[in-house]
C-alpha cells in the first residue's frame, strides 16, 4: 500500500526505472497489473488508480 498525503491522495513514487508496474496496492481489492513505460515523459499516472510515478 502506498503512503498517502493529508488529503488522502497517494504520494508520487520516484524511480529511475524505464518501466513501472501498478496493481493498485490493494491485493484482491486492487486492479489488474498494468505496466507503463516512461519514454520521454517525466511523469506517469496510473489510469486505474491515479498513482503517480516520477522519473528521477
Protein backbone atom coordinates (compact mmCIF):
# COMPACT_ATOMS: atom_id res chain seq x y z
CA UNK A 1 0.00 0.00 0.00
CA UNK A 2 1.29 3.47 -0.84
CA UNK A 3 1.77 6.23 1.69
CA UNK A 4 -0.85 8.94 1.45
CA UNK A 5 -0.86 12.69 1.93
CA UNK A 6 -3.12 14.56 4.38
CA UNK A 7 -5.71 14.86 1.58
CA UNK A 8 -5.82 11.07 1.16
CA UNK A 9 -4.02 11.04 -2.19
CA UNK A 10 -1.16 8.63 -2.84
CA UNK A 11 2.30 10.18 -2.73
CA UNK A 12 4.26 10.10 -6.00
CA UNK A 13 6.70 7.21 -6.36
CA UNK A 14 10.14 8.22 -7.65
CA UNK A 15 12.01 5.71 -9.80
CA UNK A 16 14.96 5.52 -12.16
CA UNK A 17 13.44 2.53 -13.99
CA UNK A 18 12.27 2.89 -17.59
CA UNK A 19 9.15 0.80 -16.93
CA UNK A 20 6.91 0.70 -13.86
CA UNK A 21 4.06 -1.60 -12.82
CA UNK A 22 0.96 -0.80 -10.78
CA UNK A 23 -1.64 -3.15 -9.31
CA UNK A 24 -3.48 -0.70 -7.09
CA UNK A 25 -1.70 -1.97 -3.99
CA UNK A 26 -4.87 -3.41 -2.52
CA UNK A 27 -4.33 -7.14 -3.08
CA UNK A 28 -7.66 -8.59 -4.18
CA UNK A 29 -9.15 -5.09 -3.93
CA UNK A 30 -6.58 -3.59 -6.30
CA UNK A 31 -6.79 -3.53 -10.09
CA UNK A 32 -5.23 -5.52 -12.97
CA UNK A 33 -1.44 -5.37 -13.06
CA UNK A 34 -0.58 -2.67 -15.57
CA UNK A 35 2.84 -1.71 -16.98
CA UNK A 36 3.80 1.79 -18.09
CA UNK A 37 6.91 2.96 -19.95
CA UNK A 38 8.28 6.48 -19.41
CA UNK A 39 9.73 7.00 -22.89
CA UNK A 40 10.44 10.75 -22.91
CA UNK A 41 7.88 11.51 -20.17
CA UNK A 42 8.91 12.62 -16.67
CA UNK A 43 5.67 11.52 -15.01
CA UNK A 44 3.13 8.72 -15.48
CA UNK A 45 -0.31 8.46 -13.88
CA UNK A 46 -1.91 5.03 -13.48
CA UNK A 47 -5.14 5.10 -15.43
CA UNK A 48 -6.89 2.84 -12.92
CA UNK A 49 -6.00 4.31 -9.53
CA UNK A 50 -4.20 7.56 -10.33
CA UNK A 51 -0.91 6.57 -8.66
CA UNK A 52 1.78 8.95 -9.89
CA UNK A 53 5.22 7.70 -10.91
CA UNK A 54 8.01 10.26 -11.36
CA UNK A 55 11.26 9.57 -13.19
CA UNK A 56 14.38 10.59 -11.24
